[in-house]
């Protein structure tokens, strides 16, 4: 099964989107609540949200986001069972030219997932897809929900082949979501 990515915004669409992503990463409750308000309608009943851990090896901001979303949608479970090793910032790791491999995050599961559940890995931003594809090695039946996707970086990333496509919910003035699939194909760039 190929993994699908669902997201609300292109990371590069506005400075407000980028600001919210970074404020959430630093645990700002107002930013997490705002992002939850924009994402909850993309999560259906019977979904299990699995927050992706940060560089300290545990999910903090993504766990809080999952909890906010679960409080807004009936029948949504949150399972904080994906952990990782404490590590340096992936951004700094890349910037220093250090090698990237599937062991960088040190992801492991601390529990079992319920059967017959719609699994969504939850993150604030997806850039190259490396973090999500590493987590998917443990949860191959999951899809990914992110607030923002850096579509330019993902289109150029070697990890794009792990995903069947993108579905975005573009904001409309009346608040009605519109779905637009954007499929990732080798050699196709926007």
N, C-alpha and C. Protein backbone atom coordinates (compact mmCIF):
# COMPACT_ATOMS: atom_id res chain seq x y z
N UNK A 1 0.84 -1.18 0.00
CA UNK A 1 0.00 0.00 0.00
C UNK A 1 0.88 1.25 0.00
N UNK A 2 0.56 2.18 -0.85
CA UNK A 2 1.29 3.44 -0.88
C UNK A 2 0.65 4.42 0.10
N UNK A 3 1.49 5.20 0.70
CA UNK A 3 1.05 6.18 1.69
C UNK A 3 0.62 7.47 1.02
N UNK A 4 -0.45 8.04 1.51
CA UNK A 4 -0.95 9.31 0.99
C UNK A 4 -0.67 10.40 2.02
N UNK A 5 -0.41 11.59 1.55
CA UNK A 5 -0.18 12.74 2.42
C UNK A 5 -1.37 13.68 2.31
N UNK A 6 -1.93 14.03 3.45
CA UNK A 6 -3.00 15.03 3.52
C UNK A 6 -2.43 16.25 4.22
N UNK A 7 -2.69 17.43 3.69
CA UNK A 7 -2.16 18.63 4.31
C UNK A 7 -3.06 19.83 4.04
N UNK A 8 -2.84 20.87 4.81
CA UNK A 8 -3.66 22.07 4.70
C UNK A 8 -3.02 23.15 3.83
N UNK A 9 -1.72 23.39 3.99
CA UNK A 9 -1.07 24.50 3.30
C UNK A 9 0.27 24.07 2.69
N UNK A 10 0.64 24.77 1.63
CA UNK A 10 2.02 24.69 1.15
C UNK A 10 2.84 25.54 2.12
N UNK A 11 3.93 25.00 2.59
CA UNK A 11 4.78 25.67 3.57
C UNK A 11 5.22 27.06 3.07
N UNK A 12 5.42 27.19 1.79
CA UNK A 12 5.92 28.44 1.22
C UNK A 12 4.81 29.41 0.81
N UNK A 13 3.56 29.09 1.13
CA UNK A 13 2.45 29.92 0.67
C UNK A 13 2.36 31.26 1.39
N UNK A 14 2.80 31.31 2.65
CA UNK A 14 2.75 32.59 3.37
C UNK A 14 3.66 32.56 4.59
N UNK A 15 4.03 33.74 5.03
CA UNK A 15 4.86 33.83 6.25
C UNK A 15 4.06 33.41 7.47
N UNK A 16 2.72 33.57 7.42
CA UNK A 16 1.89 33.14 8.56
C UNK A 16 1.94 31.63 8.73
N UNK A 17 1.91 30.89 7.63
CA UNK A 17 1.99 29.43 7.70
C UNK A 17 3.33 29.02 8.31
N UNK A 18 4.41 29.59 7.80
CA UNK A 18 5.74 29.25 8.32
C UNK A 18 5.85 29.62 9.80
N UNK A 19 5.30 30.76 10.18
CA UNK A 19 5.34 31.20 11.57
C UNK A 19 4.58 30.22 12.48
N UNK A 20 3.39 29.82 12.05
CA UNK A 20 2.61 28.87 12.85
C UNK A 20 3.34 27.55 13.03
N UNK A 21 3.96 27.05 11.96
CA UNK A 21 4.72 25.80 12.03
C UNK A 21 5.83 25.91 13.08
N UNK A 22 6.57 27.00 13.06
CA UNK A 22 7.68 27.16 14.00
C UNK A 22 7.20 27.43 15.42
N UNK A 23 6.11 28.19 15.56
CA UNK A 23 5.56 28.43 16.89
C UNK A 23 5.03 27.13 17.50
N UNK A 24 4.42 26.29 16.68
CA UNK A 24 3.95 24.99 17.17
C UNK A 24 5.14 24.14 17.60
N UNK A 25 6.17 24.11 16.78
CA UNK A 25 7.37 23.32 17.09
C UNK A 25 7.94 23.69 18.46
N UNK A 26 7.81 24.96 18.81
CA UNK A 26 8.33 25.43 20.10
C UNK A 26 7.29 25.32 21.21
N UNK A 27 6.16 24.68 20.91
CA UNK A 27 5.17 24.37 21.94
C UNK A 27 4.18 25.46 22.27
N UNK A 28 4.07 26.47 21.44
CA UNK A 28 3.13 27.55 21.73
C UNK A 28 1.69 27.05 21.59
N UNK A 29 0.99 27.07 22.70
CA UNK A 29 -0.36 26.51 22.77
C UNK A 29 -1.33 27.17 21.78
N UNK A 30 -1.23 28.49 21.61
CA UNK A 30 -2.14 29.19 20.68
C UNK A 30 -1.91 28.73 19.25
N UNK A 31 -0.66 28.49 18.87
CA UNK A 31 -0.37 28.01 17.52
C UNK A 31 -0.88 26.59 17.33
N UNK A 32 -0.70 25.74 18.34
CA UNK A 32 -1.18 24.36 18.26
C UNK A 32 -2.70 24.34 18.13
N UNK A 33 -3.37 25.16 18.92
CA UNK A 33 -4.83 25.24 18.85
C UNK A 33 -5.30 25.74 17.48
N UNK A 34 -4.62 26.75 16.95
CA UNK A 34 -4.98 27.29 15.62
C UNK A 34 -4.82 26.22 14.55
N UNK A 35 -3.73 25.49 14.59
CA UNK A 35 -3.49 24.43 13.60
C UNK A 35 -4.54 23.33 13.73
N UNK A 36 -4.88 22.97 14.97
CA UNK A 36 -5.92 21.96 15.19
C UNK A 36 -7.24 22.40 14.58
N UNK A 37 -7.57 23.69 14.74
CA UNK A 37 -8.81 24.22 14.16
C UNK A 37 -8.83 24.09 12.64
N UNK A 38 -7.67 24.15 12.02
CA UNK A 38 -7.60 24.03 10.57
C UNK A 38 -7.54 22.58 10.09
N UNK A 39 -7.11 21.66 10.96
CA UNK A 39 -6.93 20.27 10.53
C UNK A 39 -8.06 19.32 10.92
N UNK A 40 -8.81 19.64 11.95
CA UNK A 40 -9.73 18.64 12.51
C UNK A 40 -10.73 18.11 11.49
N UNK A 41 -11.16 18.95 10.55
CA UNK A 41 -12.16 18.50 9.56
C UNK A 41 -11.58 17.49 8.57
N UNK A 42 -10.27 17.30 8.58
CA UNK A 42 -9.62 16.33 7.69
C UNK A 42 -9.51 14.95 8.34
N UNK A 43 -9.98 14.84 9.57
CA UNK A 43 -9.86 13.59 10.33
C UNK A 43 -11.26 13.04 10.57
N UNK A 44 -11.46 11.78 10.21
CA UNK A 44 -12.77 11.18 10.36
C UNK A 44 -12.88 10.25 11.55
N UNK A 45 -14.10 9.91 11.88
CA UNK A 45 -14.38 8.97 12.95
C UNK A 45 -13.67 7.65 12.67
N UNK A 46 -13.14 7.02 13.70
CA UNK A 46 -12.43 5.76 13.55
C UNK A 46 -10.95 5.91 13.21
N UNK A 47 -10.48 7.14 13.19
CA UNK A 47 -9.06 7.40 12.89
C UNK A 47 -8.24 7.29 14.17
N UNK A 48 -7.05 6.74 14.03
CA UNK A 48 -6.07 6.73 15.12
C UNK A 48 -4.93 7.64 14.71
N UNK A 49 -4.72 8.69 15.50
CA UNK A 49 -3.63 9.63 15.26
C UNK A 49 -2.39 9.17 16.01
N UNK A 50 -1.27 9.09 15.29
CA UNK A 50 0.01 8.73 15.89
C UNK A 50 0.94 9.92 15.68
N UNK A 51 1.21 10.69 16.75
CA UNK A 51 2.06 11.86 16.60
C UNK A 51 3.53 11.47 16.38
N UNK A 52 4.19 12.19 15.47
CA UNK A 52 5.61 11.94 15.19
C UNK A 52 6.45 12.65 16.25
N UNK A 53 7.41 11.93 16.84
CA UNK A 53 8.25 12.54 17.88
C UNK A 53 9.20 13.60 17.33
N UNK A 54 9.59 14.51 18.21
CA UNK A 54 10.58 15.53 17.88
C UNK A 54 11.98 15.03 18.17
N UNK A 55 12.93 15.94 18.17
CA UNK A 55 14.33 15.53 18.31
C UNK A 55 14.70 15.04 19.70
N UNK A 56 13.82 15.25 20.67
CA UNK A 56 14.08 14.71 22.00
C UNK A 56 13.57 13.27 22.13
N UNK A 57 13.02 12.72 21.04
CA UNK A 57 12.60 11.33 21.01
C UNK A 57 11.16 11.07 21.41
N UNK A 58 10.48 12.10 21.85
CA UNK A 58 9.07 11.96 22.24
C UNK A 58 8.24 13.02 21.53
N UNK A 59 6.97 12.71 21.37
CA UNK A 59 6.05 13.68 20.76
C UNK A 59 5.58 14.63 21.84
N UNK A 60 5.80 15.90 21.65
CA UNK A 60 5.31 16.91 22.59
C UNK A 60 4.29 17.78 21.89
N UNK A 61 4.73 18.62 20.97
CA UNK A 61 3.80 19.51 20.26
C UNK A 61 2.84 18.71 19.38
N UNK A 62 3.34 17.65 18.71
CA UNK A 62 2.45 16.86 17.86
C UNK A 62 1.46 16.05 18.70
N UNK A 63 1.87 15.64 19.89
CA UNK A 63 0.94 14.95 20.79
C UNK A 63 -0.16 15.92 21.23
N UNK A 64 0.22 17.13 21.57
CA UNK A 64 -0.77 18.13 21.98
C UNK A 64 -1.73 18.42 20.83
N UNK A 65 -1.19 18.52 19.61
CA UNK A 65 -2.03 18.74 18.42
C UNK A 65 -3.00 17.58 18.25
N UNK A 66 -2.52 16.36 18.38
CA UNK A 66 -3.39 15.18 18.25
C UNK A 66 -4.50 15.21 19.30
N UNK A 67 -4.16 15.60 20.52
CA UNK A 67 -5.16 15.67 21.58
C UNK A 67 -6.21 16.74 21.30
N UNK A 68 -5.79 17.89 20.79
CA UNK A 68 -6.74 18.93 20.39
C UNK A 68 -7.70 18.41 19.33
N UNK A 69 -7.14 17.77 18.29
CA UNK A 69 -7.98 17.26 17.19
C UNK A 69 -8.95 16.20 17.70
N UNK A 70 -8.46 15.29 18.54
CA UNK A 70 -9.32 14.22 19.07
C UNK A 70 -10.46 14.79 19.92
N UNK A 71 -10.23 15.93 20.56
CA UNK A 71 -11.30 16.54 21.37
C UNK A 71 -12.36 17.19 20.48
N UNK A 72 -12.05 17.39 19.20
CA UNK A 72 -12.98 18.05 18.28
C UNK A 72 -13.75 17.07 17.39
N UNK A 73 -13.26 15.83 17.29
CA UNK A 73 -13.86 14.86 16.38
C UNK A 73 -14.22 13.60 17.17
N UNK A 74 -15.48 13.21 17.12
CA UNK A 74 -15.95 12.01 17.81
C UNK A 74 -15.29 10.77 17.22
N UNK A 75 -14.87 9.85 18.07
CA UNK A 75 -14.35 8.56 17.62
C UNK A 75 -12.93 8.59 17.12
N UNK A 76 -12.16 9.60 17.47
CA UNK A 76 -10.74 9.67 17.09
C UNK A 76 -9.91 9.28 18.30
N UNK A 77 -8.97 8.37 18.07
CA UNK A 77 -8.05 7.93 19.13
C UNK A 77 -6.69 8.55 18.91
N UNK A 78 -5.97 8.76 20.00
CA UNK A 78 -4.59 9.21 19.95
C UNK A 78 -3.74 8.12 20.59
N UNK A 79 -2.75 7.66 19.87
CA UNK A 79 -1.84 6.65 20.41
C UNK A 79 -0.41 7.18 20.30
N UNK A 80 0.15 7.53 21.44
CA UNK A 80 1.51 8.06 21.51
C UNK A 80 2.48 6.89 21.66
N UNK A 81 2.61 6.09 20.60
CA UNK A 81 3.42 4.87 20.68
C UNK A 81 4.66 4.91 19.80
N UNK A 82 4.86 5.99 19.07
CA UNK A 82 6.05 6.12 18.24
C UNK A 82 7.07 6.97 18.99
N UNK A 83 8.20 6.40 19.27
CA UNK A 83 9.28 7.09 19.99
C UNK A 83 10.54 7.05 19.13
N UNK A 84 11.50 7.84 19.52
CA UNK A 84 12.78 7.87 18.81
C UNK A 84 13.90 8.17 19.78
N UNK A 85 15.11 8.15 19.26
CA UNK A 85 16.24 8.47 20.14
C UNK A 85 16.42 9.98 20.18
N UNK A 86 17.03 10.47 21.27
CA UNK A 86 17.37 11.89 21.32
C UNK A 86 18.45 12.13 20.29
N UNK A 87 18.35 13.24 19.58
CA UNK A 87 19.27 13.49 18.48
C UNK A 87 19.42 14.98 18.26
N UNK A 88 20.37 15.32 17.42
CA UNK A 88 20.53 16.72 17.05
C UNK A 88 19.42 17.10 16.06
N UNK A 89 19.31 18.36 15.80
CA UNK A 89 18.36 18.84 14.82
C UNK A 89 18.67 18.24 13.45
N UNK A 90 17.65 17.73 12.78
CA UNK A 90 17.85 17.17 11.44
C UNK A 90 18.32 18.25 10.47
N UNK A 91 17.81 19.45 10.64
CA UNK A 91 18.24 20.58 9.81
C UNK A 91 19.74 20.81 9.96
N UNK A 92 20.23 20.87 11.19
CA UNK A 92 21.67 21.07 11.43
C UNK A 92 22.48 19.88 10.93
N UNK A 93 21.95 18.70 11.10
CA UNK A 93 22.61 17.48 10.63
C UNK A 93 22.84 17.56 9.12
N UNK A 94 21.81 17.95 8.38
CA UNK A 94 21.92 18.10 6.92
C UNK A 94 22.88 19.23 6.56
N UNK A 95 22.76 20.34 7.27
CA UNK A 95 23.58 21.51 6.97
C UNK A 95 25.07 21.21 7.16
N UNK A 96 25.41 20.34 8.11
CA UNK A 96 26.80 19.96 8.36
C UNK A 96 27.28 18.88 7.39
N UNK A 97 26.40 18.44 6.49
CA UNK A 97 26.78 17.45 5.49
C UNK A 97 26.94 16.04 6.04
N UNK A 98 26.34 15.78 7.19
CA UNK A 98 26.43 14.45 7.79
C UNK A 98 25.51 13.49 7.06
N UNK A 99 25.86 12.20 7.04
CA UNK A 99 25.05 11.23 6.29
C UNK A 99 23.65 11.07 6.89
N UNK A 100 22.70 10.81 5.99
CA UNK A 100 21.32 10.56 6.39
C UNK A 100 21.01 9.10 6.09
N UNK A 101 20.51 8.40 7.09
CA UNK A 101 20.06 7.03 6.85
C UNK A 101 18.85 6.76 7.71
N UNK A 102 18.23 5.60 7.48
CA UNK A 102 16.97 5.27 8.16
C UNK A 102 17.12 5.12 9.67
N UNK A 103 18.34 5.07 10.17
CA UNK A 103 18.55 4.91 11.62
C UNK A 103 18.71 6.26 12.33
N UNK A 104 18.75 7.35 11.58
CA UNK A 104 18.98 8.66 12.17
C UNK A 104 17.99 8.96 13.29
N UNK A 105 16.71 8.70 13.06
CA UNK A 105 15.68 9.04 14.04
C UNK A 105 15.58 8.00 15.16
N UNK A 106 15.99 6.77 14.90
CA UNK A 106 15.91 5.72 15.90
C UNK A 106 14.49 5.42 16.33
N UNK A 107 13.55 5.48 15.41
CA UNK A 107 12.15 5.25 15.74
C UNK A 107 11.91 3.81 16.21
N UNK A 108 11.01 3.66 17.18
CA UNK A 108 10.55 2.35 17.65
C UNK A 108 9.14 2.51 18.21
N UNK A 109 8.42 1.40 18.29
CA UNK A 109 7.05 1.40 18.81
C UNK A 109 7.03 0.93 20.25
N UNK A 110 6.18 1.55 21.06
CA UNK A 110 6.05 1.17 22.46
C UNK A 110 4.73 0.45 22.75
N UNK A 111 3.97 0.16 21.73
CA UNK A 111 2.69 -0.52 21.90
C UNK A 111 2.16 -1.00 20.57
N UNK A 112 1.02 -1.67 20.64
CA UNK A 112 0.39 -2.19 19.43
C UNK A 112 -0.76 -1.30 19.02
N UNK A 113 -0.95 -1.23 17.72
CA UNK A 113 -2.05 -0.43 17.17
C UNK A 113 -3.33 -1.25 17.11
N UNK A 114 -4.47 -0.58 17.21
CA UNK A 114 -5.73 -1.31 17.07
C UNK A 114 -5.90 -1.82 15.64
N UNK A 115 -6.54 -2.96 15.52
CA UNK A 115 -6.83 -3.49 14.19
C UNK A 115 -7.92 -2.66 13.53
N UNK A 116 -7.91 -2.67 12.21
CA UNK A 116 -8.96 -2.03 11.42
C UNK A 116 -9.13 -0.54 11.76
N UNK A 117 -8.03 0.13 11.93
CA UNK A 117 -8.10 1.55 12.21
C UNK A 117 -7.46 2.32 11.07
N UNK A 118 -7.99 3.48 10.80
CA UNK A 118 -7.40 4.37 9.82
C UNK A 118 -6.27 5.12 10.53
N UNK A 119 -5.03 4.75 10.23
CA UNK A 119 -3.88 5.35 10.91
C UNK A 119 -3.41 6.60 10.18
N UNK A 120 -3.19 7.66 10.95
CA UNK A 120 -2.62 8.88 10.42
C UNK A 120 -1.42 9.28 11.27
N UNK A 121 -0.24 9.31 10.65
CA UNK A 121 0.92 9.90 11.30
C UNK A 121 0.72 11.40 11.27
N UNK A 122 0.94 12.07 12.38
CA UNK A 122 0.64 13.50 12.48
C UNK A 122 1.93 14.29 12.71
N UNK A 123 2.13 15.30 11.87
CA UNK A 123 3.29 16.18 12.02
C UNK A 123 2.90 17.60 11.65
N UNK A 124 3.69 18.56 12.08
CA UNK A 124 3.37 19.95 11.76
C UNK A 124 3.78 20.31 10.34
N UNK A 125 4.90 19.77 9.86
CA UNK A 125 5.38 20.09 8.53
C UNK A 125 6.08 18.89 7.91
N UNK A 126 5.95 18.74 6.62
CA UNK A 126 6.64 17.69 5.88
C UNK A 126 7.42 18.41 4.78
N UNK A 127 8.75 18.24 4.80
CA UNK A 127 9.59 18.91 3.79
C UNK A 127 10.05 17.90 2.75
N UNK A 128 11.06 17.10 3.08
CA UNK A 128 11.57 16.11 2.12
C UNK A 128 10.84 14.78 2.21
N UNK A 129 10.15 14.55 3.32
CA UNK A 129 9.48 13.27 3.53
C UNK A 129 10.34 12.26 4.26
N UNK A 130 11.56 12.62 4.63
CA UNK A 130 12.49 11.69 5.27
C UNK A 130 11.97 11.23 6.63
N UNK A 131 11.50 12.15 7.45
CA UNK A 131 10.98 11.78 8.77
C UNK A 131 9.78 10.85 8.63
N UNK A 132 8.83 11.23 7.79
CA UNK A 132 7.63 10.41 7.61
C UNK A 132 7.97 9.05 7.02
N UNK A 133 8.86 8.99 6.03
CA UNK A 133 9.19 7.69 5.43
C UNK A 133 9.93 6.81 6.43
N UNK A 134 10.71 7.41 7.34
CA UNK A 134 11.37 6.61 8.38
C UNK A 134 10.34 6.04 9.35
N UNK A 135 9.35 6.85 9.74
CA UNK A 135 8.30 6.38 10.64
C UNK A 135 7.43 5.31 9.97
N UNK A 136 7.24 5.44 8.67
CA UNK A 136 6.40 4.49 7.93
C UNK A 136 7.02 3.10 7.85
N UNK A 137 8.30 2.98 8.09
CA UNK A 137 8.91 1.65 8.14
C UNK A 137 8.30 0.83 9.26
N UNK A 138 7.87 1.50 10.33
CA UNK A 138 7.22 0.81 11.46
C UNK A 138 5.71 0.76 11.31
N UNK A 139 5.15 1.68 10.55
CA UNK A 139 3.70 1.78 10.39
C UNK A 139 3.36 1.86 8.90
N UNK A 140 3.60 0.79 8.17
CA UNK A 140 3.47 0.84 6.70
C UNK A 140 2.04 1.06 6.19
N UNK A 141 1.03 0.84 7.02
CA UNK A 141 -0.35 1.04 6.58
C UNK A 141 -0.89 2.43 6.88
N UNK A 142 -0.04 3.28 7.43
CA UNK A 142 -0.49 4.63 7.81
C UNK A 142 -0.44 5.59 6.63
N UNK A 143 -1.22 6.65 6.75
CA UNK A 143 -1.11 7.81 5.88
C UNK A 143 -0.54 8.93 6.74
N UNK A 144 -0.29 10.08 6.13
CA UNK A 144 0.33 11.19 6.85
C UNK A 144 -0.59 12.40 6.79
N UNK A 145 -0.73 13.07 7.94
CA UNK A 145 -1.44 14.33 8.01
C UNK A 145 -0.46 15.37 8.53
N UNK A 146 -0.26 16.43 7.75
CA UNK A 146 0.63 17.52 8.15
C UNK A 146 -0.08 18.84 7.94
N UNK A 147 0.22 19.80 8.77
CA UNK A 147 -0.36 21.13 8.58
C UNK A 147 0.17 21.76 7.30
N UNK A 148 1.47 21.61 7.06
CA UNK A 148 2.07 22.21 5.87
C UNK A 148 3.03 21.22 5.21
N UNK A 149 3.12 21.32 3.89
CA UNK A 149 4.07 20.53 3.11
C UNK A 149 4.88 21.50 2.26
N UNK A 150 6.19 21.33 2.28
CA UNK A 150 7.05 22.11 1.38
C UNK A 150 7.04 21.37 0.04
N UNK A 151 6.07 21.72 -0.79
CA UNK A 151 5.85 21.00 -2.05
C UNK A 151 7.08 21.03 -2.95
N UNK A 152 7.80 22.16 -2.96
CA UNK A 152 9.00 22.25 -3.79
C UNK A 152 10.06 21.25 -3.36
N UNK A 153 10.34 21.19 -2.06
CA UNK A 153 11.34 20.24 -1.56
C UNK A 153 10.89 18.80 -1.76
N UNK A 154 9.62 18.53 -1.51
CA UNK A 154 9.13 17.15 -1.64
C UNK A 154 9.21 16.68 -3.09
N UNK A 155 8.87 17.55 -4.03
CA UNK A 155 8.92 17.16 -5.44
C UNK A 155 10.33 16.78 -5.86
N UNK A 156 11.34 17.38 -5.23
CA UNK A 156 12.73 17.11 -5.59
C UNK A 156 13.37 16.02 -4.73
N UNK A 157 12.67 15.59 -3.71
CA UNK A 157 13.23 14.64 -2.74
C UNK A 157 13.25 13.21 -3.26
N UNK A 158 14.26 12.48 -2.85
CA UNK A 158 14.33 11.05 -3.21
C UNK A 158 13.26 10.24 -2.47
N UNK A 159 12.67 10.80 -1.43
CA UNK A 159 11.66 10.08 -0.66
C UNK A 159 10.26 10.22 -1.26
N UNK A 160 10.09 11.05 -2.28
CA UNK A 160 8.76 11.28 -2.86
C UNK A 160 8.14 10.00 -3.40
N UNK A 161 8.96 9.04 -3.77
CA UNK A 161 8.44 7.78 -4.32
C UNK A 161 7.74 6.92 -3.27
N UNK A 162 7.92 7.26 -2.01
CA UNK A 162 7.26 6.50 -0.93
C UNK A 162 5.78 6.87 -0.81
N UNK A 163 5.38 7.95 -1.46
CA UNK A 163 4.04 8.47 -1.29
C UNK A 163 3.26 8.40 -2.60
N UNK A 164 1.99 8.04 -2.50
CA UNK A 164 1.15 7.92 -3.70
C UNK A 164 0.68 9.28 -4.19
N UNK A 165 0.63 10.26 -3.31
CA UNK A 165 0.17 11.57 -3.74
C UNK A 165 -0.13 12.47 -2.57
N UNK A 166 -0.54 13.67 -2.91
CA UNK A 166 -0.88 14.69 -1.93
C UNK A 166 -2.33 15.10 -2.11
N UNK A 167 -3.00 15.37 -1.02
CA UNK A 167 -4.32 15.96 -1.08
C UNK A 167 -4.30 17.17 -0.18
N UNK A 168 -4.63 18.32 -0.75
CA UNK A 168 -4.63 19.54 0.04
C UNK A 168 -6.06 20.04 0.20
N UNK A 169 -6.28 20.69 1.29
CA UNK A 169 -7.55 21.33 1.55
C UNK A 169 -7.29 22.83 1.51
N UNK A 170 -7.55 23.45 0.37
CA UNK A 170 -7.29 24.88 0.23
C UNK A 170 -8.34 25.67 1.00
N UNK A 171 -7.90 26.67 1.75
CA UNK A 171 -8.88 27.47 2.50
C UNK A 171 -9.73 28.32 1.56
N UNK A 172 -11.02 28.31 1.80
CA UNK A 172 -11.95 29.13 1.04
C UNK A 172 -12.60 30.12 2.00
N UNK A 173 -13.02 31.27 1.52
CA UNK A 173 -13.63 32.27 2.40
C UNK A 173 -14.81 31.75 3.21
N UNK A 174 -15.63 30.89 2.60
CA UNK A 174 -16.81 30.40 3.31
C UNK A 174 -16.48 29.24 4.24
N UNK A 175 -15.24 28.76 4.23
CA UNK A 175 -14.83 27.68 5.11
C UNK A 175 -15.10 26.30 4.56
N UNK A 176 -15.55 26.19 3.33
CA UNK A 176 -15.82 24.88 2.73
C UNK A 176 -14.55 24.36 2.08
N UNK A 177 -14.06 23.17 2.48
CA UNK A 177 -12.82 22.65 1.90
C UNK A 177 -13.01 22.16 0.47
N UNK A 178 -11.97 22.33 -0.32
CA UNK A 178 -11.95 21.84 -1.69
C UNK A 178 -10.74 20.91 -1.80
N UNK A 179 -10.93 19.71 -2.30
CA UNK A 179 -9.85 18.73 -2.40
C UNK A 179 -9.21 18.82 -3.78
N UNK A 180 -7.90 18.89 -3.79
CA UNK A 180 -7.16 18.92 -5.05
C UNK A 180 -6.01 17.93 -4.95
N UNK A 181 -6.11 16.77 -5.64
CA UNK A 181 -5.00 15.83 -5.58
C UNK A 181 -3.83 16.31 -6.42
N UNK A 182 -2.63 16.14 -5.89
CA UNK A 182 -1.41 16.47 -6.61
C UNK A 182 -0.54 15.23 -6.51
N UNK A 183 -0.40 14.48 -7.59
CA UNK A 183 0.34 13.24 -7.53
C UNK A 183 1.79 13.46 -7.86
N UNK A 184 2.63 12.77 -7.12
CA UNK A 184 4.08 12.89 -7.30
C UNK A 184 4.54 11.86 -8.30
N UNK A 185 5.12 12.30 -9.38
CA UNK A 185 5.63 11.40 -10.41
C UNK A 185 7.10 11.69 -10.63
N UNK A 186 7.90 10.65 -10.91
CA UNK A 186 9.32 10.89 -11.15
C UNK A 186 9.51 11.93 -12.27
N UNK A 187 10.37 12.89 -12.01
CA UNK A 187 10.71 13.89 -13.02
C UNK A 187 9.71 15.01 -13.19
N UNK A 188 8.60 14.97 -12.47
CA UNK A 188 7.59 16.02 -12.59
C UNK A 188 7.83 17.05 -11.50
N UNK A 189 8.01 18.27 -11.89
CA UNK A 189 8.24 19.35 -10.92
C UNK A 189 7.25 20.47 -11.17
N UNK A 190 6.84 21.15 -10.08
CA UNK A 190 5.91 22.26 -10.20
C UNK A 190 6.67 23.53 -10.38
